[in-house]
Amino acid sequence: MSFKVRFSKPFKRSLRHLVQKYRQVQSDLESAIEVLLFYPDLGKVIPNTSGVRKLRVASSNMAKGKRGGFRLLYLVDKEKCCIALLFVYAKSEKKDISRKELESIIEEALRE
């Protein structure tokens, strides 16, 4: 099964923010996305979010591995063979994403 990747507006905004501080974030995410294309269910499902998944992504700019790297939030639509990237953030900047913020991101991404 061949999946397509869709970049939502919230994802693009969050990536723009990270690129200013972490120069290698794009290549780090490209590697993670390549893996997701073959294993879309790799990330852990966030409870009560209709299937939003969170994937740990290692950072080349930080010597902390996956644990202290980035968090990639995404949705998988197996019927449409599509992976929608919703948001990405640095674990060092934000421990976790609030339920309210996540709902807002999902709502905006689904309107596209």
PDB file of N, CA and C in Angstrom:
ATOM      1  N   MET A   1       0.847  -1.175   0.000  1.00  0.00           N
ATOM      2  CA  MET A   1       0.000   0.000   0.000  1.00  0.00           C
ATOM      3  C   MET A   1       0.895   1.241   0.000  1.00  0.00           C
ATOM      4  N   SER A   2       0.661   2.137  -0.906  1.00  0.00           N
ATOM      5  CA  SER A   2       1.469   3.337  -1.041  1.00  0.00           C
ATOM      6  C   SER A   2       0.727   4.539  -0.445  1.00  0.00           C
ATOM      7  N   PHE A   3       1.322   5.165   0.540  1.00  0.00           N
ATOM      8  CA  PHE A   3       0.705   6.310   1.204  1.00  0.00           C
ATOM      9  C   PHE A   3       1.231   7.621   0.638  1.00  0.00           C
ATOM     10  N   LYS A   4       0.367   8.633   0.661  1.00  0.00           N
ATOM     11  CA  LYS A   4       0.748   9.997   0.307  1.00  0.00           C
ATOM     12  C   LYS A   4       0.862  10.779   1.611  1.00  0.00           C
ATOM     13  N   VAL A   5       1.671  11.811   1.602  1.00  0.00           N
ATOM     14  CA  VAL A   5       1.829  12.653   2.786  1.00  0.00           C
ATOM     15  C   VAL A   5       1.239  14.023   2.488  1.00  0.00           C
ATOM     16  N   ARG A   6       0.437  14.514   3.422  1.00  0.00           N
ATOM     17  CA  ARG A   6      -0.173  15.838   3.299  1.00  0.00           C
ATOM     18  C   ARG A   6       0.330  16.704   4.456  1.00  0.00           C
ATOM     19  N   PHE A   7       0.783  17.893   4.139  1.00  0.00           N
ATOM     20  CA  PHE A   7       1.315  18.817   5.140  1.00  0.00           C
ATOM     21  C   PHE A   7       0.243  19.853   5.476  1.00  0.00           C
ATOM     22  N   SER A   8      -0.283  19.818   6.690  1.00  0.00           N
ATOM     23  CA  SER A   8      -1.327  20.765   7.090  1.00  0.00           C
ATOM     24  C   SER A   8      -0.713  22.138   7.385  1.00  0.00           C
ATOM     25  N   LYS A   9      -1.556  23.157   7.422  1.00  0.00           N
ATOM     26  CA  LYS A   9      -1.079  24.510   7.735  1.00  0.00           C
ATOM     27  C   LYS A   9      -0.464  24.589   9.131  1.00  0.00           C
ATOM     28  N   PRO A  10      -1.101  23.978  10.151  1.00  0.00           N
ATOM     29  CA  PRO A  10      -0.457  24.022  11.478  1.00  0.00           C
ATOM     30  C   PRO A  10       0.928  23.364  11.478  1.00  0.00           C
ATOM     31  N   PHE A  11       1.087  22.300  10.702  1.00  0.00           N
ATOM     32  CA  PHE A  11       2.391  21.640  10.613  1.00  0.00           C
ATOM     33  C   PHE A  11       3.412  22.579   9.982  1.00  0.00           C
ATOM     34  N   LYS A  12       3.042  23.214   8.887  1.00  0.00           N
ATOM     35  CA  LYS A  12       3.963  24.121   8.195  1.00  0.00           C
ATOM     36  C   LYS A  12       4.392  25.273   9.102  1.00  0.00           C
ATOM     37  N   ARG A  13       3.427  25.820   9.858  1.00  0.00           N
ATOM     38  CA  ARG A  13       3.748  26.916  10.785  1.00  0.00           C
ATOM     39  C   ARG A  13       4.713  26.450  11.872  1.00  0.00           C
ATOM     40  N   SER A  14       4.419  25.290  12.448  1.00  0.00           N
ATOM     41  CA  SER A  14       5.268  24.788  13.532  1.00  0.00           C
ATOM     42  C   SER A  14       6.670  24.457  13.013  1.00  0.00           C
ATOM     43  N   LEU A  15       6.759  23.957  11.795  1.00  0.00           N
ATOM     44  CA  LEU A  15       8.061  23.644  11.206  1.00  0.00           C
ATOM     45  C   LEU A  15       8.864  24.918  10.959  1.00  0.00           C
ATOM     46  N   ARG A  16       8.207  25.952  10.451  1.00  0.00           N
ATOM     47  CA  ARG A  16       8.885  27.242  10.220  1.00  0.00           C
ATOM     48  C   ARG A  16       9.504  27.763  11.519  1.00  0.00           C
ATOM     49  N   HIS A  17       8.762  27.623  12.604  1.00  0.00           N
ATOM     50  CA  HIS A  17       9.253  28.064  13.915  1.00  0.00           C
ATOM     51  C   HIS A  17      10.498  27.267  14.324  1.00  0.00           C
ATOM     52  N   LEU A  18      10.470  25.965  14.122  1.00  0.00           N
ATOM     53  CA  LEU A  18      11.584  25.107  14.538  1.00  0.00           C
ATOM     54  C   LEU A  18      12.835  25.300  13.684  1.00  0.00           C
ATOM     55  N   VAL A  19      12.657  25.575  12.402  1.00  0.00           N
ATOM     56  CA  VAL A  19      13.795  25.738  11.485  1.00  0.00           C
ATOM     57  C   VAL A  19      14.699  26.887  11.935  1.00  0.00           C
ATOM     58  N   GLN A  20      14.119  27.899  12.551  1.00  0.00           N
ATOM     59  CA  GLN A  20      14.910  29.041  13.013  1.00  0.00           C
ATOM     60  C   GLN A  20      15.921  28.633  14.085  1.00  0.00           C
ATOM     61  N   LYS A  21      15.566  27.656  14.908  1.00  0.00           N
ATOM     62  CA  LYS A  21      16.435  27.246  16.013  1.00  0.00           C
ATOM     63  C   LYS A  21      17.201  25.955  15.720  1.00  0.00           C
ATOM     64  N   TYR A  22      16.574  25.042  15.000  1.00  0.00           N
ATOM     65  CA  TYR A  22      17.169  23.734  14.723  1.00  0.00           C
ATOM     66  C   TYR A  22      17.353  23.579  13.214  1.00  0.00           C
ATOM     67  N   ARG A  23      18.543  23.840  12.725  1.00  0.00           N
ATOM     68  CA  ARG A  23      18.820  23.860  11.284  1.00  0.00           C
ATOM     69  C   ARG A  23      18.563  22.522  10.588  1.00  0.00           C
ATOM     70  N   GLN A  24      18.737  21.418  11.296  1.00  0.00           N
ATOM     71  CA  GLN A  24      18.609  20.090  10.686  1.00  0.00           C
ATOM     72  C   GLN A  24      17.215  19.486  10.817  1.00  0.00           C
ATOM     73  N   VAL A  25      16.255  20.235  11.337  1.00  0.00           N
ATOM     74  CA  VAL A  25      14.935  19.661  11.607  1.00  0.00           C
ATOM     75  C   VAL A  25      14.285  19.088  10.344  1.00  0.00           C
ATOM     76  N   GLN A  26      14.455  19.744   9.209  1.00  0.00           N
ATOM     77  CA  GLN A  26      13.824  19.248   7.983  1.00  0.00           C
ATOM     78  C   GLN A  26      14.368  17.883   7.579  1.00  0.00           C
ATOM     79  N   SER A  27      15.670  17.715   7.625  1.00  0.00           N
ATOM     80  CA  SER A  27      16.229  16.408   7.252  1.00  0.00           C
ATOM     81  C   SER A  27      15.875  15.348   8.294  1.00  0.00           C
ATOM     82  N   ASP A  28      15.801  15.733   9.567  1.00  0.00           N
ATOM     83  CA  ASP A  28      15.382  14.790  10.610  1.00  0.00           C
ATOM     84  C   ASP A  28      13.954  14.309  10.342  1.00  0.00           C
ATOM     85  N   LEU A  29      13.087  15.242   9.975  1.00  0.00           N
ATOM     86  CA  LEU A  29      11.689  14.887   9.704  1.00  0.00           C
ATOM     87  C   LEU A  29      11.552  14.088   8.410  1.00  0.00           C
ATOM     88  N   GLU A  30      12.358  14.411   7.405  1.00  0.00           N
ATOM     89  CA  GLU A  30      12.303  13.651   6.150  1.00  0.00           C
ATOM     90  C   GLU A  30      12.594  12.179   6.404  1.00  0.00           C
ATOM     91  N   SER A  31      13.566  11.908   7.257  1.00  0.00           N
ATOM     92  CA  SER A  31      13.895  10.518   7.596  1.00  0.00           C
ATOM     93  C   SER A  31      12.721   9.840   8.289  1.00  0.00           C
ATOM     94  N   ALA A  32      12.090  10.549   9.212  1.00  0.00           N
ATOM     95  CA  ALA A  32      10.944   9.989   9.933  1.00  0.00           C
ATOM     96  C   ALA A  32       9.768   9.743   8.990  1.00  0.00           C
ATOM     97  N   ILE A  33       9.548  10.655   8.061  1.00  0.00           N
ATOM     98  CA  ILE A  33       8.439  10.515   7.113  1.00  0.00           C
ATOM     99  C   ILE A  33       8.666   9.320   6.197  1.00  0.00           C
ATOM    100  N   GLU A  34       9.899   9.105   5.780  1.00  0.00           N
ATOM    101  CA  GLU A  34      10.209   7.933   4.946  1.00  0.00           C
ATOM    102  C   GLU A  34       9.841   6.643   5.668  1.00  0.00           C
ATOM    103  N   VAL A  35      10.119   6.581   6.959  1.00  0.00           N
ATOM    104  CA  VAL A  35       9.768   5.402   7.753  1.00  0.00           C
ATOM    105  C   VAL A  35       8.247   5.286   7.873  1.00  0.00           C
ATOM    106  N   LEU A  36       7.572   6.419   8.088  1.00  0.00           N
ATOM    107  CA  LEU A  36       6.109   6.409   8.217  1.00  0.00           C
ATOM    108  C   LEU A  36       5.418   5.900   6.958  1.00  0.00           C
ATOM    109  N   LEU A  37       5.994   6.156   5.807  1.00  0.00           N
ATOM    110  CA  LEU A  37       5.390   5.688   4.560  1.00  0.00           C
ATOM    111  C   LEU A  37       5.278   4.168   4.533  1.00  0.00           C
ATOM    112  N   PHE A  38       6.198   3.483   5.186  1.00  0.00           N
ATOM    113  CA  PHE A  38       6.169   2.018   5.237  1.00  0.00           C
ATOM    114  C   PHE A  38       5.481   1.494   6.494  1.00  0.00           C
ATOM    115  N   TYR A  39       5.548   2.257   7.573  1.00  0.00           N
ATOM    116  CA  TYR A  39       4.958   1.845   8.854  1.00  0.00           C
ATOM    117  C   TYR A  39       4.107   2.981   9.420  1.00  0.00           C
ATOM    118  N   PRO A  40       2.948   3.256   8.817  1.00  0.00           N
ATOM    119  CA  PRO A  40       2.142   4.403   9.248  1.00  0.00           C
ATOM    120  C   PRO A  40       1.611   4.299  10.682  1.00  0.00           C
ATOM    121  N   ASP A  41       1.539   3.094  11.222  1.00  0.00           N
ATOM    122  CA  ASP A  41       1.024   2.919  12.583  1.00  0.00           C
ATOM    123  C   ASP A  41       2.129   2.953  13.635  1.00  0.00           C
ATOM    124  N   LEU A  42       3.285   3.453  13.284  1.00  0.00           N
ATOM    125  CA  LEU A  42       4.447   3.441  14.165  1.00  0.00           C
ATOM    126  C   LEU A  42       4.259   4.292  15.422  1.00  0.00           C
ATOM    127  N   GLY A  43       3.696   5.461  15.287  1.00  0.00           N
ATOM    128  CA  GLY A  43       3.514   6.353  16.439  1.00  0.00           C
ATOM    129  C   GLY A  43       2.448   5.840  17.387  1.00  0.00           C
ATOM    130  N   LYS A  44       2.526   6.289  18.630  1.00  0.00           N
ATOM    131  CA  LYS A  44       1.541   5.894  19.635  1.00  0.00           C
ATOM    132  C   LYS A  44       0.291   6.753  19.494  1.00  0.00           C
ATOM    133  N   VAL A  45      -0.873   6.108  19.586  1.00  0.00           N
ATOM    134  CA  VAL A  45      -2.141   6.823  19.494  1.00  0.00           C
ATOM    135  C   VAL A  45      -2.337   7.650  20.763  1.00  0.00           C
ATOM    136  N   ILE A  46      -2.709   8.910  20.593  1.00  0.00           N
ATOM    137  CA  ILE A  46      -3.024   9.773  21.727  1.00  0.00           C
ATOM    138  C   ILE A  46      -4.484   9.501  22.087  1.00  0.00           C
ATOM    139  N   PRO A  47      -4.771   9.104  23.319  1.00  0.00           N
ATOM    140  CA  PRO A  47      -6.144   8.765  23.711  1.00  0.00           C
ATOM    141  C   PRO A  47      -7.134   9.911  23.482  1.00  0.00           C
ATOM    142  N   ASN A  48      -8.347   9.546  23.089  1.00  0.00           N
ATOM    143  CA  ASN A  48      -9.465  10.484  22.900  1.00  0.00           C
ATOM    144  C   ASN A  48      -9.207  11.549  21.839  1.00  0.00           C
ATOM    145  N   THR A  49      -8.523  11.169  20.761  1.00  0.00           N
ATOM    146  CA  THR A  49      -8.230  12.145  19.702  1.00  0.00           C
ATOM    147  C   THR A  49      -8.646  11.660  18.319  1.00  0.00           C
ATOM    148  N   SER A  50      -9.430  10.632  18.241  1.00  0.00           N
ATOM    149  CA  SER A  50      -9.870  10.079  16.952  1.00  0.00           C
ATOM    150  C   SER A  50      -8.700   9.573  16.117  1.00  0.00           C
ATOM    151  N   GLY A  51      -7.685   9.043  16.779  1.00  0.00           N
ATOM    152  CA  GLY A  51      -6.600   8.402  16.046  1.00  0.00           C
ATOM    153  C   GLY A  51      -5.347   9.207  15.795  1.00  0.00           C
ATOM    154  N   VAL A  52      -5.228  10.388  16.384  1.00  0.00           N
ATOM    155  CA  VAL A  52      -3.997  11.163  16.211  1.00  0.00           C
ATOM    156  C   VAL A  52      -2.854  10.390  16.864  1.00  0.00           C
ATOM    157  N   ARG A  53      -1.748  10.329  16.157  1.00  0.00           N
ATOM    158  CA  ARG A  53      -0.578   9.599  16.645  1.00  0.00           C
ATOM    159  C   ARG A  53       0.571  10.560  16.922  1.00  0.00           C
ATOM    160  N   LYS A  54       1.430  10.151  17.861  1.00  0.00           N
ATOM    161  CA  LYS A  54       2.601  10.955  18.215  1.00  0.00           C
ATOM    162  C   LYS A  54       3.837  10.088  18.023  1.00  0.00           C
ATOM    163  N   LEU A  55       4.775  10.605  17.251  1.00  0.00           N
ATOM    164  CA  LEU A  55       6.005   9.880  16.956  1.00  0.00           C
ATOM    165  C   LEU A  55       7.203  10.665  17.482  1.00  0.00           C
ATOM    166  N   ARG A  56       8.096   9.975  18.152  1.00  0.00           N
ATOM    167  CA  ARG A  56       9.350  10.590  18.591  1.00  0.00           C
ATOM    168  C   ARG A  56      10.317  10.629  17.414  1.00  0.00           C
ATOM    169  N   VAL A  57      10.947  11.776  17.224  1.00  0.00           N
ATOM    170  CA  VAL A  57      11.911  11.943  16.134  1.00  0.00           C
ATOM    171  C   VAL A  57      13.211  12.480  16.732  1.00  0.00           C
ATOM    172  N   ALA A  58      14.303  11.802  16.472  1.00  0.00           N
ATOM    173  CA  ALA A  58      15.609  12.240  16.977  1.00  0.00           C
ATOM    174  C   ALA A  58      16.031  13.537  16.294  1.00  0.00           C
ATOM    175  N   SER A  59      16.780  14.343  17.018  1.00  0.00           N
ATOM    176  CA  SER A  59      17.267  15.614  16.487  1.00  0.00           C
ATOM    177  C   SER A  59      18.774  15.557  16.267  1.00  0.00           C
ATOM    178  N   SER A  60      19.211  15.962  15.084  1.00  0.00           N
ATOM    179  CA  SER A  60      20.646  16.029  14.782  1.00  0.00           C
ATOM    180  C   SER A  60      21.305  17.204  15.496  1.00  0.00           C
ATOM    181  N   ASN A  61      20.506  18.217  15.856  1.00  0.00           N
ATOM    182  CA  ASN A  61      21.038  19.407  16.509  1.00  0.00           C
ATOM    183  C   ASN A  61      21.210  19.241  18.015  1.00  0.00           C
ATOM    184  N   MET A  62      20.485  18.314  18.596  1.00  0.00           N
ATOM    185  CA  MET A  62      20.567  18.079  20.041  1.00  0.00           C
ATOM    186  C   MET A  62      21.128  16.677  20.257  1.00  0.00           C
ATOM    187  N   ALA A  63      21.992  16.539  21.210  1.00  0.00           N
ATOM    188  CA  ALA A  63      22.573  15.223  21.490  1.00  0.00           C
ATOM    189  C   ALA A  63      21.733  14.487  22.534  1.00  0.00           C
ATOM    190  N   LYS A  64      20.431  14.370  22.263  1.00  0.00           N
ATOM    191  CA  LYS A  64      19.525  13.756  23.230  1.00  0.00           C
ATOM    192  C   LYS A  64      18.772  12.561  22.662  1.00  0.00           C
ATOM    193  N   GLY A  65      18.988  12.232  21.409  1.00  0.00           N
ATOM    194  CA  GLY A  65      18.281  11.110  20.801  1.00  0.00           C
ATOM    195  C   GLY A  65      16.801  11.391  20.620  1.00  0.00           C
ATOM    196  N   LYS A  66      16.012  10.320  20.474  1.00  0.00           N
ATOM    197  CA  LYS A  66      14.576  10.472  20.241  1.00  0.00           C
ATOM    198  C   LYS A  66      13.860  11.070  21.446  1.00  0.00           C
ATOM    199  N   ARG A  67      14.312  10.687  22.631  1.00  0.00           N
ATOM    200  CA  ARG A  67      13.638  11.118  23.853  1.00  0.00           C
ATOM    201  C   ARG A  67      13.572  12.633  23.998  1.00  0.00           C
ATOM    202  N   GLY A  68      14.638  13.302  23.682  1.00  0.00           N
ATOM    203  CA  GLY A  68      14.686  14.749  23.839  1.00  0.00           C
ATOM    204  C   GLY A  68      14.567  15.499  22.535  1.00  0.00           C
ATOM    205  N   GLY A  69      14.221  14.817  21.466  1.00  0.00           N
ATOM    206  CA  GLY A  69      14.147  15.431  20.139  1.00  0.00           C
ATOM    207  C   GLY A  69      12.820  16.101  19.859  1.00  0.00           C
ATOM    208  N   PHE A  70      12.208  15.718  18.762  1.00  0.00           N
ATOM    209  CA  PHE A  70      10.956  16.319  18.317  1.00  0.00           C
ATOM    210  C   PHE A  70       9.798  15.347  18.498  1.00  0.00           C
ATOM    211  N   ARG A  71       8.590  15.917  18.522  1.00  0.00           N
ATOM    212  CA  ARG A  71       7.370  15.113  18.536  1.00  0.00           C
ATOM    213  C   ARG A  71       6.590  15.484  17.282  1.00  0.00           C
ATOM    214  N   LEU A  72       6.242  14.480  16.511  1.00  0.00           N
ATOM    215  CA  LEU A  72       5.497  14.664  15.270  1.00  0.00           C
ATOM    216  C   LEU A  72       4.092  14.113  15.473  1.00  0.00           C
ATOM    217  N   LEU A  73       3.089  14.969  15.310  1.00  0.00           N
ATOM    218  CA  LEU A  73       1.696  14.554  15.441  1.00  0.00           C
ATOM    219  C   LEU A  73       1.118  14.373  14.045  1.00  0.00           C
ATOM    220  N   TYR A  74       0.435  13.247  13.837  1.00  0.00           N
ATOM    221  CA  TYR A  74      -0.099  12.965  12.509  1.00  0.00           C
ATOM    222  C   TYR A  74      -1.338  12.079  12.586  1.00  0.00           C
ATOM    223  N   LEU A  75      -2.088  12.063  11.503  1.00  0.00           N
ATOM    224  CA  LEU A  75      -3.278  11.227  11.345  1.00  0.00           C
ATOM    225  C   LEU A  75      -3.088  10.328  10.136  1.00  0.00           C
ATOM    226  N   VAL A  76      -3.569   9.094  10.239  1.00  0.00           N
ATOM    227  CA  VAL A  76      -3.487   8.155   9.121  1.00  0.00           C
ATOM    228  C   VAL A  76      -4.900   7.866   8.630  1.00  0.00           C
ATOM    229  N   ASP A  77      -5.125   8.052   7.336  1.00  0.00           N
ATOM    230  CA  ASP A  77      -6.394   7.684   6.704  1.00  0.00           C
ATOM    231  C   ASP A  77      -6.088   6.525   5.764  1.00  0.00           C
ATOM    232  N   LYS A  78      -6.358   5.315   6.235  1.00  0.00           N
ATOM    233  CA  LYS A  78      -6.011   4.129   5.445  1.00  0.00           C
ATOM    234  C   LYS A  78      -6.892   3.976   4.213  1.00  0.00           C
ATOM    235  N   GLU A  79      -8.122   4.474   4.272  1.00  0.00           N
ATOM    236  CA  GLU A  79      -9.008   4.389   3.106  1.00  0.00           C
ATOM    237  C   GLU A  79      -8.478   5.231   1.950  1.00  0.00           C
ATOM    238  N   LYS A  80      -7.961   6.411   2.268  1.00  0.00           N
ATOM    239  CA  LYS A  80      -7.429   7.309   1.235  1.00  0.00           C
ATOM    240  C   LYS A  80      -5.919   7.152   1.059  1.00  0.00           C
ATOM    241  N   CYS A  81      -5.318   6.237   1.832  1.00  0.00           N
ATOM    242  CA  CYS A  81      -3.856   6.028   1.793  1.00  0.00           C
ATOM    243  C   CYS A  81      -3.110   7.347   1.974  1.00  0.00           C
ATOM    244  N   CYS A  82      -3.487   8.071   3.032  1.00  0.00           N
ATOM    245  CA  CYS A  82      -2.929   9.398   3.266  1.00  0.00           C
ATOM    246  C   CYS A  82      -2.460   9.543   4.714  1.00  0.00           C
ATOM    247  N   ILE A  83      -1.311  10.160   4.879  1.00  0.00           N
ATOM    248  CA  ILE A  83      -0.800  10.514   6.200  1.00  0.00           C
ATOM    249  C   ILE A  83      -0.805  12.036   6.268  1.00  0.00           C
ATOM    250  N   ALA A  84      -1.582  12.584   7.199  1.00  0.00           N
ATOM    251  CA  ALA A  84      -1.668  14.035   7.358  1.00  0.00           C
ATOM    252  C   ALA A  84      -0.786  14.457   8.528  1.00  0.00           C
ATOM    253  N   LEU A  85       0.241  15.229   8.240  1.00  0.00           N
ATOM    254  CA  LEU A  85       1.121  15.745   9.284  1.00  0.00           C
ATOM    255  C   LEU A  85       0.443  16.961   9.904  1.00  0.00           C
ATOM    256  N   LEU A  86       0.204  16.906  11.213  1.00  0.00           N
ATOM    257  CA  LEU A  86      -0.576  17.938  11.885  1.00  0.00           C
ATOM    258  C   LEU A  86       0.268  18.999  12.582  1.00  0.00           C
ATOM    259  N   PHE A  87       1.338  18.563  13.257  1.00  0.00           N
ATOM    260  CA  PHE A  87       2.095  19.496  14.095  1.00  0.00           C
ATOM    261  C   PHE A  87       3.420  18.855  14.470  1.00  0.00           C
ATOM    262  N   VAL A  88       4.431  19.658  14.687  1.00  0.00           N
ATOM    263  CA  VAL A  88       5.722  19.161  15.170  1.00  0.00           C
ATOM    264  C   VAL A  88       6.241  20.157  16.202  1.00  0.00           C
ATOM    265  N   TYR A  89       6.822  19.631  17.275  1.00  0.00           N
ATOM    266  CA  TYR A  89       7.385  20.507  18.295  1.00  0.00           C
ATOM    267  C   TYR A  89       8.606  19.863  18.934  1.00  0.00           C
ATOM    268  N   ALA A  90       9.450  20.704  19.527  1.00  0.00           N
ATOM    269  CA  ALA A  90      10.650  20.225  20.215  1.00  0.00           C
ATOM    270  C   ALA A  90      10.284  19.891  21.650  1.00  0.00           C
ATOM    271  N   LYS A  91      10.671  18.727  22.088  1.00  0.00           N
ATOM    272  CA  LYS A  91      10.378  18.287  23.453  1.00  0.00           C
ATOM    273  C   LYS A  91      10.995  19.244  24.474  1.00  0.00           C
ATOM    274  N   SER A  92      12.136  19.833  24.145  1.00  0.00           N
ATOM    275  CA  SER A  92      12.799  20.756  25.070  1.00  0.00           C
ATOM    276  C   SER A  92      12.020  22.062  25.248  1.00  0.00           C
ATOM    277  N   GLU A  93      11.210  22.425  24.246  1.00  0.00           N
ATOM    278  CA  GLU A  93      10.438  23.665  24.320  1.00  0.00           C
ATOM    279  C   GLU A  93       9.052  23.453  24.909  1.00  0.00           C
ATOM    280  N   LYS A  94       8.531  22.255  24.742  1.00  0.00           N
ATOM    281  CA  LYS A  94       7.160  21.985  25.163  1.00  0.00           C
ATOM    282  C   LYS A  94       7.087  20.533  25.613  1.00  0.00           C
ATOM    283  N   LYS A  95       6.773  20.313  26.878  1.00  0.00           N
ATOM    284  CA  LYS A  95       6.711  18.943  27.407  1.00  0.00           C
ATOM    285  C   LYS A  95       5.630  18.138  26.701  1.00  0.00           C
ATOM    286  N   ASP A  96       4.457  18.712  26.614  1.00  0.00           N
ATOM    287  CA  ASP A  96       3.334  18.039  25.971  1.00  0.00           C
ATOM    288  C   ASP A  96       2.412  19.095  25.395  1.00  0.00           C
ATOM    289  N   ILE A  97       1.517  18.664  24.548  1.00  0.00           N
ATOM    290  CA  ILE A  97       0.580  19.583  23.919  1.00  0.00           C
ATOM    291  C   ILE A  97      -0.753  19.488  24.661  1.00  0.00           C
ATOM    292  N   SER A  98      -1.382  20.619  24.919  1.00  0.00           N
ATOM    293  CA  SER A  98      -2.640  20.612  25.670  1.00  0.00           C
ATOM    294  C   SER A  98      -3.769  20.061  24.806  1.00  0.00           C
ATOM    295  N   ARG A  99      -4.767  19.528  25.454  1.00  0.00           N
ATOM    296  CA  ARG A  99      -5.933  18.971  24.760  1.00  0.00           C
ATOM    297  C   ARG A  99      -6.592  20.046  23.902  1.00  0.00           C
ATOM    298  N   LYS A 100      -6.716  21.262  24.458  1.00  0.00           N
ATOM    299  CA  LYS A 100      -7.360  22.362  23.737  1.00  0.00           C
ATOM    300  C   LYS A 100      -6.567  22.732  22.480  1.00  0.00           C
ATOM    301  N   GLU A 101      -5.258  22.814  22.617  1.00  0.00           N
ATOM    302  CA  GLU A 101      -4.400  23.147  21.479  1.00  0.00           C
ATOM    303  C   GLU A 101      -4.479  22.060  20.407  1.00  0.00           C
ATOM    304  N   LEU A 102      -4.490  20.808  20.840  1.00  0.00           N
ATOM    305  CA  LEU A 102      -4.577  19.689  19.904  1.00  0.00           C
ATOM    306  C   LEU A 102      -5.904  19.701  19.152  1.00  0.00           C
ATOM    307  N   GLU A 103      -6.996  19.965  19.859  1.00  0.00           N
ATOM    308  CA  GLU A 103      -8.312  20.040  19.206  1.00  0.00           C
ATOM    309  C   GLU A 103      -8.336  21.143  18.160  1.00  0.00           C
ATOM    310  N   SER A 104      -7.723  22.281  18.484  1.00  0.00           N
ATOM    311  CA  SER A 104      -7.658  23.403  17.548  1.00  0.00           C
ATOM    312  C   SER A 104      -6.853  23.034  16.296  1.00  0.00           C
ATOM    313  N   ILE A 105      -5.740  22.338  16.485  1.00  0.00           N
ATOM    314  CA  ILE A 105      -4.892  21.908  15.367  1.00  0.00           C
ATOM    315  C   ILE A 105      -5.649  20.936  14.470  1.00  0.00           C
ATOM    316  N   ILE A 106      -6.320  19.965  15.077  1.00  0.00           N
ATOM    317  CA  ILE A 106      -7.079  18.971  14.310  1.00  0.00           C
ATOM    318  C   ILE A 106      -8.181  19.650  13.516  1.00  0.00           C
ATOM    319  N   GLU A 107      -8.901  20.553  14.182  1.00  0.00           N
ATOM    320  CA  GLU A 107     -10.002  21.263  13.519  1.00  0.00           C
ATOM    321  C   GLU A 107      -9.502  22.049  12.309  1.00  0.00           C
ATOM    322  N   GLU A 108      -8.400  22.775  12.477  1.00  0.00           N
ATOM    323  CA  GLU A 108      -7.848  23.562  11.371  1.00  0.00           C
ATOM    324  C   GLU A 108      -7.367  22.663  10.233  1.00  0.00           C
ATOM    325  N   ALA A 109      -6.727  21.566  10.576  1.00  0.00           N
ATOM    326  CA  ALA A 109      -6.208  20.651   9.550  1.00  0.00           C
ATOM    327  C   ALA A 109      -7.335  19.992   8.767  1.00  0.00           C
ATOM    328  N   LEU A 110      -8.425  19.666   9.425  1.00  0.00           N
ATOM    329  CA  LEU A 110      -9.539  19.001   8.747  1.00  0.00           C
ATOM    330  C   LEU A 110     -10.332  19.952   7.853  1.00  0.00           C
ATOM    331  N   ARG A 111     -10.225  21.258   8.111  1.00  0.00           N
ATOM    332  CA  ARG A 111     -10.922  22.243   7.276  1.00  0.00           C
ATOM    333  C   ARG A 111     -10.269  22.419   5.910  1.00  0.00           C
ATOM    334  N   GLU A 112      -9.029  21.995   5.784  1.00  0.00           N
ATOM    335  CA  GLU A 112      -8.284  22.187   4.524  1.00  0.00           C
ATOM    336  C   GLU A 112      -8.812  21.282   3.436  1.00  0.00           C
TER     337      GLU A 112
END
